[in-house]
């Protein structure tokens, strides 16, 4: 299995800065691997909220995570700032694959990177649903 090369900031379309917290460090004195997935989730959902296409409490269509992956390159620790780069790598009828790169402070290359796949479903029935036009437009703005 080949390991991907770290990406650079220029390869991402949108950024969100998030501070690490004291509690994020583990016994090995770096941010625990599960926290990286929290950064992924926050970057994706904050983008959708900022774009006005996700209302956590009332949207008829919601995204369910069906796949995630993360490759780690450089440790992140408290009190680093994480710059989460976001892009859309694949946009389907009811699914989207987000690419996320996590940059430590002002580093040029990713400390970690991966992807996050949402399948959009009707909130009530949990059946796959087409991505609404306004959400699709927001996703197309960061499509690579």
N, C-alpha and C. Protein backbone atom coordinates (compact mmCIF):
# COMPACT_ATOMS: atom_id res chain seq x y z
N UNK A 1 0.84 -1.17 0.00
CA UNK A 1 0.00 0.00 0.00
C UNK A 1 0.89 1.24 0.00
N UNK A 2 0.67 2.12 -0.96
CA UNK A 2 1.49 3.33 -1.04
C UNK A 2 0.89 4.44 -0.19
N UNK A 3 1.75 5.20 0.39
CA UNK A 3 1.35 6.30 1.26
C UNK A 3 1.32 7.58 0.42
N UNK A 4 0.25 8.38 0.55
CA UNK A 4 0.17 9.62 -0.23
C UNK A 4 1.20 10.65 0.26
N UNK A 5 1.54 11.56 -0.60
CA UNK A 5 2.41 12.67 -0.23
C UNK A 5 1.57 13.75 0.45
N UNK A 6 2.14 14.46 1.41
CA UNK A 6 1.40 15.56 2.02
C UNK A 6 1.03 16.61 0.97
N UNK A 7 -0.16 17.17 1.10
CA UNK A 7 -0.61 18.22 0.20
C UNK A 7 -0.16 19.58 0.74
N UNK A 8 -0.29 20.59 -0.12
CA UNK A 8 0.06 21.95 0.26
C UNK A 8 -1.20 22.80 0.34
N UNK A 9 -1.08 23.95 0.95
CA UNK A 9 -2.22 24.84 1.14
C UNK A 9 -2.90 25.22 -0.18
N UNK A 10 -2.13 25.36 -1.23
CA UNK A 10 -2.69 25.77 -2.52
C UNK A 10 -3.68 24.75 -3.08
N UNK A 11 -3.66 23.54 -2.56
CA UNK A 11 -4.53 22.49 -3.07
C UNK A 11 -5.92 22.48 -2.42
N UNK A 12 -6.16 23.45 -1.54
CA UNK A 12 -7.45 23.52 -0.85
C UNK A 12 -8.13 24.84 -1.14
N UNK A 13 -9.45 24.81 -1.15
CA UNK A 13 -10.24 25.96 -1.60
C UNK A 13 -10.77 26.82 -0.46
N UNK A 14 -10.87 26.27 0.74
CA UNK A 14 -11.48 26.98 1.87
C UNK A 14 -10.73 26.57 3.14
N UNK A 15 -10.61 27.50 4.09
CA UNK A 15 -9.90 27.20 5.34
C UNK A 15 -10.70 27.61 6.56
N UNK A 16 -10.55 26.83 7.60
CA UNK A 16 -11.13 27.10 8.92
C UNK A 16 -10.01 26.90 9.92
N UNK A 17 -9.79 27.88 10.80
CA UNK A 17 -8.76 27.77 11.84
C UNK A 17 -9.42 27.32 13.13
N UNK A 18 -8.82 26.29 13.74
CA UNK A 18 -9.35 25.73 14.99
C UNK A 18 -8.20 25.54 15.98
N UNK A 19 -8.37 26.02 17.20
CA UNK A 19 -7.31 25.79 18.19
C UNK A 19 -7.38 24.37 18.74
N UNK A 20 -6.23 23.83 19.05
CA UNK A 20 -6.22 22.58 19.81
C UNK A 20 -6.54 22.93 21.26
N UNK A 21 -6.96 21.92 21.99
CA UNK A 21 -7.29 22.11 23.40
C UNK A 21 -6.38 21.22 24.25
N UNK A 22 -6.18 21.59 25.48
CA UNK A 22 -5.37 20.80 26.41
C UNK A 22 -5.83 19.34 26.42
N UNK A 23 -7.14 19.13 26.43
CA UNK A 23 -7.71 17.79 26.51
C UNK A 23 -7.46 16.96 25.24
N UNK A 24 -7.09 17.61 24.14
CA UNK A 24 -6.85 16.89 22.88
C UNK A 24 -5.58 16.04 22.91
N UNK A 25 -4.60 16.42 23.75
CA UNK A 25 -3.36 15.66 23.83
C UNK A 25 -3.58 14.31 24.51
N UNK A 26 -2.84 13.33 24.05
CA UNK A 26 -2.92 12.02 24.69
C UNK A 26 -1.66 11.76 25.50
N UNK A 27 -1.49 10.55 25.99
CA UNK A 27 -0.34 10.22 26.84
C UNK A 27 0.98 10.29 26.08
N UNK A 28 0.93 10.31 24.74
CA UNK A 28 2.14 10.41 23.93
C UNK A 28 2.49 11.86 23.61
N UNK A 29 1.75 12.79 24.22
CA UNK A 29 2.00 14.23 24.14
C UNK A 29 1.76 14.82 22.75
N UNK A 30 0.82 14.25 22.03
CA UNK A 30 0.35 14.85 20.78
C UNK A 30 -1.15 14.65 20.71
N UNK A 31 -1.78 15.37 19.77
CA UNK A 31 -3.24 15.28 19.62
C UNK A 31 -3.60 13.84 19.24
N UNK A 32 -4.56 13.28 19.96
CA UNK A 32 -4.99 11.91 19.72
C UNK A 32 -5.63 11.79 18.34
N UNK A 33 -5.46 10.64 17.71
CA UNK A 33 -5.94 10.44 16.34
C UNK A 33 -7.44 10.68 16.17
N UNK A 34 -8.25 10.39 17.17
CA UNK A 34 -9.69 10.58 17.02
C UNK A 34 -10.05 12.05 16.90
N UNK A 35 -9.23 12.94 17.44
CA UNK A 35 -9.50 14.38 17.39
C UNK A 35 -9.40 14.88 15.95
N UNK A 36 -8.55 14.27 15.16
CA UNK A 36 -8.40 14.68 13.76
C UNK A 36 -9.74 14.53 13.03
N UNK A 37 -10.47 13.48 13.33
CA UNK A 37 -11.78 13.28 12.70
C UNK A 37 -12.78 14.35 13.16
N UNK A 38 -12.63 14.81 14.38
CA UNK A 38 -13.46 15.92 14.86
C UNK A 38 -13.15 17.19 14.08
N UNK A 39 -11.88 17.42 13.79
CA UNK A 39 -11.51 18.57 12.95
C UNK A 39 -12.13 18.44 11.56
N UNK A 40 -12.11 17.23 10.99
CA UNK A 40 -12.72 16.99 9.68
C UNK A 40 -14.21 17.37 9.72
N UNK A 41 -14.90 16.82 10.70
CA UNK A 41 -16.35 17.02 10.84
C UNK A 41 -16.68 18.50 11.02
N UNK A 42 -15.91 19.18 11.85
CA UNK A 42 -16.14 20.61 12.08
C UNK A 42 -15.90 21.42 10.82
N UNK A 43 -14.84 21.13 10.10
CA UNK A 43 -14.53 21.88 8.87
C UNK A 43 -15.66 21.75 7.85
N UNK A 44 -16.14 20.55 7.65
CA UNK A 44 -17.20 20.30 6.67
C UNK A 44 -18.50 20.98 7.09
N UNK A 45 -18.96 20.72 8.29
CA UNK A 45 -20.25 21.24 8.72
C UNK A 45 -20.25 22.75 8.92
N UNK A 46 -19.14 23.31 9.38
CA UNK A 46 -19.06 24.76 9.54
C UNK A 46 -19.14 25.43 8.17
N UNK A 47 -18.49 24.84 7.17
CA UNK A 47 -18.58 25.40 5.81
C UNK A 47 -20.04 25.42 5.34
N UNK A 48 -20.74 24.31 5.51
CA UNK A 48 -22.13 24.22 5.06
C UNK A 48 -23.02 25.21 5.81
N UNK A 49 -22.78 25.38 7.10
CA UNK A 49 -23.56 26.34 7.89
C UNK A 49 -23.28 27.77 7.42
N UNK A 50 -21.99 28.10 7.23
CA UNK A 50 -21.61 29.43 6.77
C UNK A 50 -22.21 29.76 5.40
N UNK A 51 -22.34 28.76 4.57
CA UNK A 51 -22.89 28.96 3.23
C UNK A 51 -24.42 29.05 3.26
N UNK A 52 -25.01 28.81 4.42
CA UNK A 52 -26.46 28.91 4.56
C UNK A 52 -27.22 27.73 3.99
N UNK A 53 -26.54 26.57 3.86
CA UNK A 53 -27.20 25.41 3.26
C UNK A 53 -27.42 24.26 4.25
N UNK A 54 -27.05 24.48 5.51
CA UNK A 54 -27.30 23.47 6.53
C UNK A 54 -27.83 24.15 7.78
N UNK A 55 -29.01 23.75 8.18
CA UNK A 55 -29.61 24.15 9.45
C UNK A 55 -29.67 22.87 10.26
N UNK A 56 -28.81 22.75 11.24
CA UNK A 56 -28.65 21.51 11.98
C UNK A 56 -29.98 20.98 12.53
N UNK A 57 -30.84 21.87 12.97
CA UNK A 57 -32.09 21.46 13.60
C UNK A 57 -33.24 21.28 12.63
N UNK A 58 -33.22 21.98 11.47
CA UNK A 58 -34.42 21.98 10.63
C UNK A 58 -34.23 21.54 9.17
N UNK A 59 -33.00 21.36 8.72
CA UNK A 59 -32.82 20.97 7.31
C UNK A 59 -33.54 19.65 7.04
N UNK A 60 -34.23 19.60 5.91
CA UNK A 60 -34.91 18.35 5.51
C UNK A 60 -33.91 17.30 5.07
N UNK A 61 -32.80 17.74 4.53
CA UNK A 61 -31.76 16.84 4.04
C UNK A 61 -30.57 16.94 4.99
N UNK A 62 -30.05 15.78 5.41
CA UNK A 62 -28.87 15.76 6.28
C UNK A 62 -27.82 14.83 5.70
N UNK A 63 -26.57 15.09 6.02
CA UNK A 63 -25.47 14.26 5.54
C UNK A 63 -25.07 13.24 6.59
N UNK A 64 -25.05 11.98 6.19
CA UNK A 64 -24.57 10.91 7.07
C UNK A 64 -23.18 10.50 6.59
N UNK A 65 -22.27 10.37 7.52
CA UNK A 65 -20.91 9.96 7.18
C UNK A 65 -20.91 8.46 6.91
N UNK A 66 -20.41 8.07 5.73
CA UNK A 66 -20.34 6.65 5.38
C UNK A 66 -18.90 6.18 5.22
N UNK A 67 -17.96 7.12 5.16
CA UNK A 67 -16.55 6.72 5.00
C UNK A 67 -15.64 7.85 5.43
N UNK A 68 -14.57 7.50 6.13
CA UNK A 68 -13.53 8.46 6.47
C UNK A 68 -12.18 7.79 6.36
N UNK A 69 -11.16 8.60 6.14
CA UNK A 69 -9.79 8.11 6.13
C UNK A 69 -8.88 9.26 6.50
N UNK A 70 -7.79 8.94 7.19
CA UNK A 70 -6.82 9.96 7.56
C UNK A 70 -5.42 9.37 7.48
N UNK A 71 -4.52 10.12 6.85
CA UNK A 71 -3.10 9.80 6.86
C UNK A 71 -2.40 10.86 7.71
N UNK A 72 -1.49 10.42 8.57
CA UNK A 72 -0.81 11.31 9.50
C UNK A 72 0.65 11.47 9.07
N UNK A 73 1.13 12.71 9.09
CA UNK A 73 2.50 12.99 8.66
C UNK A 73 3.34 13.63 9.76
N UNK A 74 2.79 14.64 10.44
CA UNK A 74 3.51 15.40 11.46
C UNK A 74 2.60 15.56 12.67
N UNK A 75 3.10 15.32 13.87
CA UNK A 75 2.23 15.46 15.05
C UNK A 75 1.75 16.89 15.26
N UNK A 76 0.52 17.01 15.72
CA UNK A 76 -0.05 18.27 16.17
C UNK A 76 -0.17 18.16 17.69
N UNK A 77 0.13 19.25 18.39
CA UNK A 77 0.07 19.24 19.85
C UNK A 77 -0.62 20.51 20.35
N UNK A 78 -1.02 20.49 21.62
CA UNK A 78 -1.51 21.70 22.26
C UNK A 78 -0.29 22.56 22.58
N UNK A 79 -0.30 23.85 22.29
CA UNK A 79 -1.37 24.75 21.90
C UNK A 79 -1.32 25.15 20.42
N UNK A 80 -1.13 24.21 19.51
CA UNK A 80 -1.11 24.52 18.07
C UNK A 80 -2.46 25.03 17.59
N UNK A 81 -2.40 25.77 16.49
CA UNK A 81 -3.60 26.11 15.74
C UNK A 81 -3.66 25.20 14.53
N UNK A 82 -4.81 24.62 14.28
CA UNK A 82 -5.01 23.76 13.12
C UNK A 82 -5.74 24.57 12.05
N UNK A 83 -5.14 24.63 10.88
CA UNK A 83 -5.77 25.26 9.72
C UNK A 83 -6.31 24.12 8.88
N UNK A 84 -7.63 23.96 8.86
CA UNK A 84 -8.25 22.87 8.13
C UNK A 84 -8.59 23.35 6.73
N UNK A 85 -7.91 22.78 5.74
CA UNK A 85 -8.21 23.08 4.34
C UNK A 85 -9.30 22.13 3.85
N UNK A 86 -10.23 22.68 3.08
CA UNK A 86 -11.38 21.89 2.63
C UNK A 86 -11.53 22.02 1.12
N UNK A 87 -11.91 20.93 0.50
CA UNK A 87 -12.23 20.91 -0.93
C UNK A 87 -13.21 19.77 -1.18
N UNK A 88 -13.92 19.86 -2.29
CA UNK A 88 -14.79 18.75 -2.70
C UNK A 88 -14.04 18.02 -3.81
N UNK A 89 -13.88 16.71 -3.63
CA UNK A 89 -13.15 15.90 -4.60
C UNK A 89 -14.08 15.15 -5.55
N UNK A 90 -15.28 14.87 -5.11
CA UNK A 90 -16.26 14.19 -5.96
C UNK A 90 -17.65 14.60 -5.52
N UNK A 91 -18.47 14.95 -6.49
CA UNK A 91 -19.83 15.40 -6.20
C UNK A 91 -20.79 14.56 -7.02
N UNK A 92 -21.59 13.76 -6.32
CA UNK A 92 -22.57 12.91 -6.99
C UNK A 92 -23.96 13.46 -6.83
N UNK A 93 -24.96 12.64 -7.11
CA UNK A 93 -26.35 13.05 -6.98
C UNK A 93 -26.76 13.20 -5.51
N UNK A 94 -26.37 12.24 -4.68
CA UNK A 94 -26.73 12.30 -3.26
C UNK A 94 -25.52 12.15 -2.34
N UNK A 95 -24.32 12.17 -2.90
CA UNK A 95 -23.13 12.02 -2.07
C UNK A 95 -22.05 13.01 -2.47
N UNK A 96 -21.17 13.24 -1.52
CA UNK A 96 -20.03 14.13 -1.76
C UNK A 96 -18.84 13.60 -0.98
N UNK A 97 -17.70 13.65 -1.64
CA UNK A 97 -16.44 13.29 -0.98
C UNK A 97 -15.65 14.58 -0.77
N UNK A 98 -15.44 14.89 0.50
CA UNK A 98 -14.65 16.05 0.89
C UNK A 98 -13.20 15.63 1.08
N UNK A 99 -12.29 16.45 0.63
CA UNK A 99 -10.88 16.29 0.96
C UNK A 99 -10.54 17.30 2.03
N UNK A 100 -9.87 16.86 3.07
CA UNK A 100 -9.51 17.76 4.17
C UNK A 100 -8.02 17.62 4.43
N UNK A 101 -7.37 18.76 4.56
CA UNK A 101 -5.96 18.80 4.93
C UNK A 101 -5.82 19.59 6.22
N UNK A 102 -5.13 19.04 7.19
CA UNK A 102 -4.92 19.72 8.46
C UNK A 102 -3.47 20.21 8.52
N UNK A 103 -3.33 21.52 8.66
CA UNK A 103 -2.02 22.16 8.69
C UNK A 103 -1.74 22.64 10.11
N UNK A 104 -0.55 22.34 10.58
CA UNK A 104 -0.13 22.76 11.93
C UNK A 104 0.42 24.17 11.84
N UNK A 105 -0.22 25.09 12.56
CA UNK A 105 0.19 26.48 12.61
C UNK A 105 0.37 27.04 11.20
N UNK A 106 1.57 27.50 10.85
CA UNK A 106 1.79 28.09 9.52
C UNK A 106 2.52 27.15 8.57
N UNK A 107 2.55 25.85 8.88
CA UNK A 107 3.23 24.89 8.01
C UNK A 107 2.63 24.92 6.60
N UNK A 108 3.45 24.67 5.61
CA UNK A 108 3.03 24.69 4.21
C UNK A 108 2.42 23.36 3.80
N UNK A 109 2.90 22.26 4.39
CA UNK A 109 2.41 20.91 4.06
C UNK A 109 1.51 20.39 5.17
N UNK A 110 0.62 19.48 4.80
CA UNK A 110 -0.32 18.92 5.77
C UNK A 110 0.38 18.12 6.86
N UNK A 111 -0.12 18.28 8.08
CA UNK A 111 0.27 17.41 9.19
C UNK A 111 -0.51 16.11 9.08
N UNK A 112 -1.73 16.23 8.55
CA UNK A 112 -2.60 15.07 8.31
C UNK A 112 -3.56 15.44 7.19
N UNK A 113 -4.00 14.45 6.48
CA UNK A 113 -4.97 14.70 5.41
C UNK A 113 -5.80 13.45 5.19
N UNK A 114 -6.98 13.67 4.66
CA UNK A 114 -7.83 12.53 4.41
C UNK A 114 -9.09 12.93 3.69
N UNK A 115 -10.09 12.07 3.81
CA UNK A 115 -11.37 12.37 3.18
C UNK A 115 -12.51 11.96 4.10
N UNK A 116 -13.68 12.43 3.70
CA UNK A 116 -14.89 12.31 4.51
C UNK A 116 -16.01 12.24 3.49
N UNK A 117 -16.81 11.18 3.49
CA UNK A 117 -17.89 11.03 2.52
C UNK A 117 -19.23 11.17 3.23
N UNK A 118 -20.03 12.09 2.74
CA UNK A 118 -21.42 12.25 3.19
C UNK A 118 -22.35 11.66 2.15
N UNK A 119 -23.34 10.92 2.58
CA UNK A 119 -24.48 10.57 1.74
C UNK A 119 -25.63 11.37 2.31
N UNK A 120 -26.27 12.15 1.45
CA UNK A 120 -27.38 12.99 1.89
C UNK A 120 -28.67 12.19 1.85
N UNK A 121 -29.41 12.31 2.96
CA UNK A 121 -30.65 11.55 3.13
C UNK A 121 -31.75 12.48 3.63
N UNK A 122 -32.97 12.05 3.43
CA UNK A 122 -34.12 12.72 4.01
C UNK A 122 -34.06 12.52 5.52
N UNK A 123 -34.20 13.60 6.27
CA UNK A 123 -34.08 13.53 7.73
C UNK A 123 -35.06 12.52 8.33
N UNK A 124 -36.29 12.49 7.86
CA UNK A 124 -37.32 11.64 8.46
C UNK A 124 -37.19 10.18 8.04
N UNK A 125 -36.97 9.92 6.74
CA UNK A 125 -36.98 8.54 6.25
C UNK A 125 -35.60 7.88 6.22
N UNK A 126 -34.56 8.71 6.24
CA UNK A 126 -33.16 8.24 6.11
C UNK A 126 -32.89 7.58 4.76
N UNK A 127 -33.70 7.89 3.77
CA UNK A 127 -33.48 7.39 2.41
C UNK A 127 -32.68 8.43 1.64
N UNK A 128 -31.79 7.93 0.76
CA UNK A 128 -30.95 8.83 -0.03
C UNK A 128 -31.79 9.88 -0.73
N UNK A 129 -31.26 11.10 -0.77
CA UNK A 129 -31.97 12.22 -1.38
C UNK A 129 -30.99 13.03 -2.21
N UNK A 130 -31.49 13.60 -3.28
CA UNK A 130 -30.65 14.44 -4.13
C UNK A 130 -30.17 15.65 -3.34
N UNK A 131 -28.93 16.04 -3.59
CA UNK A 131 -28.38 17.24 -2.96
C UNK A 131 -29.15 18.44 -3.49
N UNK A 132 -29.71 19.28 -2.61
CA UNK A 132 -30.47 20.44 -3.06
C UNK A 132 -29.62 21.42 -3.88
N UNK A 133 -30.27 22.16 -4.75
CA UNK A 133 -29.59 23.07 -5.67
C UNK A 133 -28.67 24.06 -4.96
N UNK A 134 -29.14 24.67 -3.88
CA UNK A 134 -28.31 25.66 -3.18
C UNK A 134 -27.09 25.02 -2.53
N UNK A 135 -27.26 23.81 -1.99
CA UNK A 135 -26.12 23.09 -1.41
C UNK A 135 -25.15 22.68 -2.50
N UNK A 136 -25.68 22.19 -3.62
CA UNK A 136 -24.82 21.80 -4.74
C UNK A 136 -23.97 22.99 -5.20
N UNK A 137 -24.57 24.18 -5.28
CA UNK A 137 -23.84 25.37 -5.69
C UNK A 137 -22.71 25.68 -4.71
N UNK A 138 -22.97 25.56 -3.41
CA UNK A 138 -21.94 25.80 -2.39
C UNK A 138 -20.81 24.77 -2.51
N UNK A 139 -21.17 23.53 -2.78
CA UNK A 139 -20.16 22.48 -2.93
C UNK A 139 -19.34 22.66 -4.21
N UNK A 140 -19.99 23.11 -5.27
CA UNK A 140 -19.27 23.34 -6.53
C UNK A 140 -18.24 24.45 -6.40
N UNK A 141 -18.44 25.39 -5.48
CA UNK A 141 -17.49 26.49 -5.28
C UNK A 141 -16.15 25.99 -4.76
N UNK A 142 -16.13 24.81 -4.12
CA UNK A 142 -14.86 24.28 -3.62
C UNK A 142 -14.48 22.96 -4.29
N UNK A 143 -15.10 22.68 -5.42
CA UNK A 143 -14.83 21.46 -6.19
C UNK A 143 -13.50 21.59 -6.93
N UNK A 144 -12.67 20.55 -6.84
CA UNK A 144 -11.39 20.54 -7.57
C UNK A 144 -11.46 19.56 -8.72
